[in-house]
Amino acid sequence: MKKIIIAGGAGFIGSHLCEFLVEEKNNFIYCIDNLLTGSEKNISHLIEKKNFEFINQDICSKINLEVDQIYNLACPASPIQYQNHPIETINACIDGTRNLLDLARKYNATILQASTSEVYGDPLEHPQSESYHGNVNLNGPRSCYDEGKRVAETIFYNYKTQFNVDIRIARIFNTYGPRMQINDGRVVSNFINQSINNADITIYGDGSQTRSFCYIIDMIAGLVKLMDSDYQNPMNLGNDEEYSILDIANQIVKNMNSDSKIIFEDLPENDPLKRKPNLSLAKEIINYNPKILFSIGLTDTILYFKSLYE
């Protein structure tokens, strides 16, 4: 039986990862979350399972559990969340990351860091490959998250080189699906909720900026494949289908038969104009091939958000 910590396990991605690994009967899952941005509702269906334990704790506090694997997803992840909690975000990325790395070192566990495409900033390379060092702002409104994740990667690298800790680093690109927070301020959830309420759909900028959206099932598959590999350098995970923000808004309005109108407002500071992963490395090393079409994943996500209003 593998004993596995999922830090941030009550969050959007973390709860799906808990669910997937709990269903593999040879795993015992410790879900650690301080519920700053996560929710017990996301894991309520797992609480009674014998191979699952929820621990309400901040990863910045010392943890002592003998485990085989650690997934570190503990950090506010949407712009609204991390801009409301900038110091907590930095602390999670630095102090929390070190605590989990110390635990991995103590028990010789493999540890995976959920990094982000935000380490590339507003990229001058397109699509972004792992060798690209980014175009970032150290002092902007997004810097607590962007720089926090960059520092976390650096800490991981140095624990590998100095202490021989067995590390994995996943640079996660935009992910969507059920259990996204209704008010997290991300494109897909914003547009769906505005459409449900027949409110104006707000696009920041002219809508020509692009994103690539990965359905949650594909992301979980990538994280588990990376953990189970022996690859210790950063790896992009996401979907390389690219859409403009205006395309996304139009798809959602059409899909929901909404009366919402699209309006345009100023683009926020440091908001990337393009974001698309180069997945060549993931395809080669872990045979990663996202399968869920955006139209299919979007339908499931819309059904989830509609259920919240019933």
Protein backbone atom coordinates (compact mmCIF):
# COMPACT_ATOMS: atom_id res chain seq x y z
CA MET A 1 0.00 0.00 0.00
CA LYS A 2 1.34 3.42 -0.98
CA LYS A 3 0.79 6.16 1.55
CA ILE A 4 0.32 9.47 -0.26
CA ILE A 5 -0.03 13.07 0.91
CA ILE A 6 -2.04 15.40 -1.30
CA ALA A 7 -1.44 18.91 0.03
CA GLY A 8 -4.21 21.23 -1.11
CA GLY A 9 -6.38 18.15 -1.52
CA ALA A 10 -9.67 19.96 -0.89
CA GLY A 11 -9.11 22.32 -3.79
CA PHE A 12 -10.23 21.99 -7.41
CA ILE A 13 -7.38 19.90 -8.83
CA GLY A 14 -6.44 18.38 -5.47
CA SER A 15 -9.90 16.92 -4.81
CA HIS A 16 -9.98 15.23 -8.21
CA LEU A 17 -6.51 13.82 -7.55
CA CYS A 18 -7.67 12.52 -4.16
CA GLU A 19 -10.67 10.89 -5.78
CA PHE A 20 -8.59 9.22 -8.48
CA LEU A 21 -5.93 7.87 -6.11
CA VAL A 22 -8.41 6.73 -3.46
CA GLU A 23 -10.11 4.56 -6.07
CA GLU A 24 -6.80 2.76 -6.63
CA LYS A 25 -7.24 0.38 -3.70
CA ASN A 26 -3.55 0.08 -2.83
CA ASN A 27 -3.28 3.75 -1.85
CA PHE A 28 -3.92 5.44 1.49
CA ILE A 29 -4.49 9.16 0.99
CA TYR A 30 -3.77 11.91 3.50
CA CYS A 31 -5.57 15.01 2.25
CA ILE A 32 -4.02 18.07 3.90
CA ASP A 33 -5.72 21.45 3.45
CA ASN A 34 -6.23 24.56 5.60
CA LEU A 35 -9.41 25.40 3.63
CA LEU A 36 -8.24 28.93 2.83
CA THR A 37 -9.43 28.42 -0.74
CA GLY A 38 -10.40 24.73 -0.71
CA SER A 39 -13.71 23.28 0.47
CA GLU A 40 -14.71 20.20 2.44
CA LYS A 41 -17.62 19.84 0.00
CA ASN A 42 -15.12 18.82 -2.67
CA ILE A 43 -14.07 15.76 -0.65
CA SER A 44 -17.28 15.02 1.26
CA HIS A 45 -17.85 11.84 -0.77
CA LEU A 46 -14.43 10.52 0.30
CA ILE A 47 -14.54 11.20 4.06
CA GLU A 48 -16.03 7.83 5.03
CA LYS A 49 -13.63 5.78 2.94
CA LYS A 50 -11.19 3.66 4.97
CA ASN A 51 -8.21 4.63 2.82
CA PHE A 52 -8.76 8.40 3.09
CA GLU A 53 -8.03 10.85 5.90
CA PHE A 54 -8.61 14.60 5.87
CA ILE A 55 -6.25 16.75 7.95
CA ASN A 56 -7.17 20.42 8.40
CA GLN A 57 -3.70 21.96 8.54
CA ASP A 58 -1.57 24.62 6.90
CA ILE A 59 1.50 23.15 5.20
CA CYS A 60 3.51 25.99 6.75
CA SER A 61 3.15 24.04 10.03
CA LYS A 62 5.40 21.02 10.49
CA ILE A 63 4.02 17.71 9.22
CA ASN A 64 5.27 14.29 10.29
CA LEU A 65 3.66 11.45 8.34
CA GLU A 66 5.62 8.52 6.96
CA VAL A 67 4.61 8.40 3.30
CA ASP A 68 5.81 7.18 -0.10
CA GLN A 69 4.64 10.08 -2.26
CA ILE A 70 3.73 13.75 -1.78
CA TYR A 71 1.78 15.92 -4.22
CA ASN A 72 2.10 19.61 -3.35
CA LEU A 73 -0.91 21.50 -4.72
CA ALA A 74 -1.34 23.71 -1.64
CA CYS A 75 -1.52 27.33 -2.80
CA PRO A 76 -4.18 29.84 -3.83
CA ALA A 77 -4.30 29.49 -7.61
CA SER A 78 -6.72 31.95 -9.19
CA PRO A 79 -5.91 35.67 -9.53
CA ILE A 80 -8.72 36.67 -7.17
CA GLN A 81 -7.54 34.17 -4.56
CA TYR A 82 -3.84 34.97 -4.57
CA GLN A 83 -4.34 38.73 -4.86
CA ASN A 84 -6.61 38.56 -1.80
CA HIS A 85 -4.04 36.43 0.05
CA PRO A 86 -0.62 37.48 -1.27
CA ILE A 87 1.40 36.77 1.89
CA GLU A 88 -0.30 33.40 2.45
CA THR A 89 0.51 32.58 -1.18
CA ILE A 90 4.21 33.43 -0.76
CA ASN A 91 4.35 31.53 2.54
CA ALA A 92 2.81 28.41 0.97
CA CYS A 93 5.31 28.54 -1.89
CA ILE A 94 8.36 28.99 0.34
CA ASP A 95 7.78 27.77 3.91
CA GLY A 96 5.17 25.18 2.99
CA THR A 97 7.25 23.85 0.12
CA ARG A 98 10.30 23.48 2.37
CA ASN A 99 8.26 21.65 5.02
CA LEU A 100 7.07 19.10 2.47
CA LEU A 101 10.53 18.70 0.99
CA ASP A 102 11.96 18.10 4.47
CA LEU A 103 9.30 15.42 4.97
CA ALA A 104 10.16 13.81 1.63
CA ARG A 105 13.84 13.86 2.58
CA LYS A 106 13.15 12.32 6.00
CA TYR A 107 11.15 9.38 4.64
CA ASN A 108 12.76 9.07 1.18
CA ALA A 109 9.45 9.90 -0.51
CA THR A 110 8.95 11.11 -4.06
CA ILE A 111 7.52 14.63 -4.14
CA LEU A 112 5.72 16.47 -6.95
CA GLN A 113 5.42 20.25 -7.10
CA ALA A 114 2.37 21.70 -8.82
CA SER A 115 4.05 24.61 -10.56
CA THR A 116 2.33 26.72 -13.18
CA SER A 117 2.48 28.20 -16.65
CA GLU A 118 2.62 31.54 -14.84
CA VAL A 119 6.37 30.99 -14.39
CA TYR A 120 6.60 32.04 -18.06
CA GLY A 121 4.94 35.40 -17.30
CA ASP A 122 3.71 37.25 -20.41
CA PRO A 123 5.69 35.01 -22.76
CA LEU A 124 7.73 36.19 -25.72
CA GLU A 125 8.05 32.56 -26.88
CA HIS A 126 5.00 30.79 -28.29
CA PRO A 127 4.18 28.03 -27.58
CA GLN A 128 6.10 27.87 -24.33
CA SER A 129 8.65 25.10 -23.84
CA GLU A 130 10.30 24.11 -20.59
CA SER A 131 13.62 25.67 -21.67
CA TYR A 132 12.02 29.16 -21.88
CA HIS A 133 12.98 31.29 -18.85
CA GLY A 134 10.00 33.62 -18.99
CA ASN A 135 9.10 37.30 -19.17
CA VAL A 136 8.02 38.19 -15.66
CA ASN A 137 7.37 41.17 -13.40
CA LEU A 138 8.80 40.83 -9.90
CA ASN A 139 6.55 43.54 -8.45
CA GLY A 140 3.22 43.31 -10.28
CA PRO A 141 -0.19 42.29 -8.92
CA ARG A 142 0.42 38.68 -10.00
CA SER A 143 3.96 38.44 -8.66
CA CYS A 144 3.09 36.79 -5.32
CA TYR A 145 1.93 33.74 -7.29
CA ASP A 146 4.23 33.88 -10.33
CA GLU A 147 7.39 34.48 -8.32
CA GLY A 148 6.24 32.22 -5.50
CA LYS A 149 6.00 29.30 -7.90
CA ARG A 150 9.34 30.17 -9.49
CA VAL A 151 10.96 30.15 -6.05
CA ALA A 152 9.26 26.85 -5.22
CA GLU A 153 10.83 25.31 -8.34
CA THR A 154 14.22 26.65 -7.25
CA ILE A 155 13.83 25.15 -3.79
CA PHE A 156 12.90 21.80 -5.36
CA TYR A 157 15.94 21.92 -7.63
CA ASN A 158 18.28 22.62 -4.71
CA TYR A 159 16.81 19.87 -2.52
CA LYS A 160 17.48 17.51 -5.42
CA THR A 161 21.07 18.64 -5.94
CA GLN A 162 22.05 19.02 -2.26
CA PHE A 163 20.01 16.26 -0.59
CA ASN A 164 19.17 13.94 -3.51
CA VAL A 165 15.42 14.26 -2.92
CA ASP A 166 13.41 12.51 -5.67
CA ILE A 167 11.47 15.42 -7.22
CA ARG A 168 8.89 16.01 -9.95
CA ILE A 169 7.83 19.44 -11.25
CA ALA A 170 4.60 19.89 -13.24
CA ARG A 171 4.03 23.24 -14.93
CA ILE A 172 0.25 23.25 -15.05
CA PHE A 173 -1.53 25.24 -17.76
CA ASN A 174 -5.15 26.48 -17.53
CA THR A 175 -7.33 23.68 -16.20
CA TYR A 176 -11.14 23.62 -15.95
CA GLY A 177 -13.99 21.32 -14.95
CA PRO A 178 -16.40 20.52 -12.11
CA ARG A 179 -15.50 21.83 -8.64
CA MET A 180 -14.00 25.07 -9.90
CA GLN A 181 -15.04 27.78 -7.46
CA ILE A 182 -18.01 29.80 -8.58
CA ASN A 183 -16.25 33.10 -7.87
CA ASP A 184 -12.62 32.30 -8.65
CA GLY A 185 -12.41 34.89 -11.42
CA ARG A 186 -11.13 32.57 -14.14
CA VAL A 187 -12.32 32.80 -17.71
CA VAL A 188 -14.39 29.61 -17.96
CA SER A 189 -16.12 29.91 -14.58
CA ASN A 190 -16.73 33.66 -15.03
CA PHE A 191 -18.30 33.29 -18.45
CA ILE A 192 -20.48 30.32 -17.44
CA ASN A 193 -21.83 32.05 -14.33
CA GLN A 194 -22.49 35.29 -16.18
CA SER A 195 -24.34 33.32 -18.87
CA ILE A 196 -26.43 31.40 -16.34
CA ASN A 197 -27.59 34.72 -14.92
CA ASN A 198 -27.99 36.35 -18.36
CA ALA A 199 -25.52 38.98 -17.17
CA ASP A 200 -23.02 40.76 -19.39
CA ILE A 201 -19.98 38.63 -20.19
CA THR A 202 -16.91 40.66 -19.33
CA ILE A 203 -13.87 40.33 -21.55
CA TYR A 204 -10.74 42.14 -20.42
CA GLY A 205 -8.89 43.51 -23.44
CA ASP A 206 -10.15 43.01 -26.98
CA GLY A 207 -10.61 39.25 -26.63
CA SER A 208 -7.81 38.37 -29.04
CA GLN A 209 -5.57 37.07 -26.26
CA THR A 210 -5.38 33.29 -26.26
CA ARG A 211 -5.43 30.44 -23.77
CA SER A 212 -5.26 26.65 -23.92
CA PHE A 213 -7.67 24.83 -21.62
CA CYS A 214 -7.13 21.35 -20.19
CA TYR A 215 -10.03 19.33 -18.81
CA ILE A 216 -9.48 18.13 -15.26
CA ILE A 217 -9.46 14.41 -16.15
CA ASP A 218 -6.56 14.91 -18.56
CA MET A 219 -4.64 16.94 -15.98
CA ILE A 220 -5.00 14.25 -13.30
CA ALA A 221 -3.75 11.63 -15.75
CA GLY A 222 -0.71 13.77 -16.50
CA LEU A 223 0.13 14.39 -12.84
CA VAL A 224 -0.04 10.70 -11.96
CA LYS A 225 2.00 9.70 -15.01
CA LEU A 226 4.66 12.24 -14.13
CA MET A 227 4.79 11.09 -10.50
CA ASP A 228 5.17 7.48 -11.59
CA SER A 229 7.97 8.33 -14.03
CA ASP A 230 11.58 8.99 -13.06
CA TYR A 231 11.78 12.42 -14.76
CA GLN A 232 13.11 15.10 -12.39
CA ASN A 233 13.08 18.29 -14.47
CA PRO A 234 10.12 20.65 -15.11
CA MET A 235 7.43 19.37 -17.45
CA ASN A 236 4.51 21.21 -19.06
CA LEU A 237 1.07 19.66 -18.56
CA GLY A 238 -2.07 20.99 -20.21
CA ASN A 239 -3.81 20.95 -23.56
CA ASP A 240 -2.28 22.50 -26.68
CA GLU A 241 -5.57 23.42 -28.37
CA GLU A 242 -5.56 27.22 -28.49
CA TYR A 243 -8.59 29.53 -28.36
CA SER A 244 -9.06 33.27 -28.17
CA ILE A 245 -10.94 34.59 -25.15
CA LEU A 246 -13.62 35.95 -27.50
CA ASP A 247 -14.04 32.47 -29.03
CA ILE A 248 -14.55 31.01 -25.56
CA ALA A 249 -17.18 33.62 -24.69
CA ASN A 250 -19.08 32.99 -27.93
CA GLN A 251 -18.99 29.20 -27.43
CA ILE A 252 -20.40 29.49 -23.92
CA VAL A 253 -23.19 31.90 -24.92
CA LYS A 254 -24.16 29.62 -27.81
CA ASN A 255 -23.96 26.43 -25.75
CA MET A 256 -26.14 27.90 -23.00
CA ASN A 257 -28.57 29.73 -25.29
CA SER A 258 -27.95 32.75 -23.08
CA ASP A 259 -29.17 36.33 -23.54
CA SER A 260 -25.86 37.63 -22.23
CA LYS A 261 -24.10 40.36 -24.16
CA ILE A 262 -20.32 40.54 -24.46
CA ILE A 263 -18.72 43.72 -23.13
CA PHE A 264 -15.07 44.77 -23.09
CA GLU A 265 -13.00 46.32 -20.30
CA ASP A 266 -9.33 47.23 -19.88
CA LEU A 267 -6.81 44.39 -19.76
CA PRO A 268 -5.36 43.92 -16.23
CA GLU A 269 -1.67 44.63 -15.63
CA ASN A 270 0.67 41.78 -16.65
CA ASP A 271 -2.17 39.62 -17.99
CA PRO A 272 -0.50 37.34 -20.58
CA LEU A 273 -1.52 37.86 -24.22
CA LYS A 274 -0.75 34.27 -25.24
CA ARG A 275 -0.57 31.03 -23.33
CA LYS A 276 -0.08 27.61 -24.94
CA PRO A 277 2.09 24.71 -23.80
CA ASN A 278 4.65 22.95 -25.92
CA LEU A 279 3.84 19.37 -24.91
CA SER A 280 6.61 17.65 -26.85
CA LEU A 281 8.48 16.65 -23.70
CA ALA A 282 5.40 15.27 -21.92
CA LYS A 283 4.40 13.31 -25.00
CA GLU A 284 7.86 11.81 -25.31
CA ILE A 285 8.65 11.07 -21.65
CA ILE A 286 5.31 10.02 -20.14
CA ASN A 287 3.22 9.42 -23.28
CA TYR A 288 0.91 12.26 -22.27
CA ASN A 289 -1.89 12.96 -24.75
CA PRO A 290 -4.88 14.98 -23.52
CA LYS A 291 -8.04 13.43 -24.95
CA ILE A 292 -11.04 15.51 -23.87
CA LEU A 293 -12.17 18.03 -26.49
CA PHE A 294 -12.96 21.48 -25.15
CA SER A 295 -16.56 21.23 -26.37
CA ILE A 296 -17.07 18.03 -24.33
CA GLY A 297 -15.37 19.28 -21.19
CA LEU A 298 -17.25 22.57 -21.43
CA THR A 299 -20.61 20.78 -21.50
CA ASP A 300 -19.76 18.87 -18.30
CA THR A 301 -18.53 22.05 -16.62
CA ILE A 302 -21.69 23.95 -17.54
CA LEU A 303 -23.84 21.14 -16.08
CA TYR A 304 -21.86 21.34 -12.85
CA PHE A 305 -22.33 25.09 -12.48
CA LYS A 306 -26.03 24.83 -13.32
CA SER A 307 -26.40 22.27 -10.53
CA LEU A 308 -25.10 24.85 -8.03
CA TYR A 309 -28.08 27.09 -8.80
CA GLU A 310 -30.72 24.37 -8.35
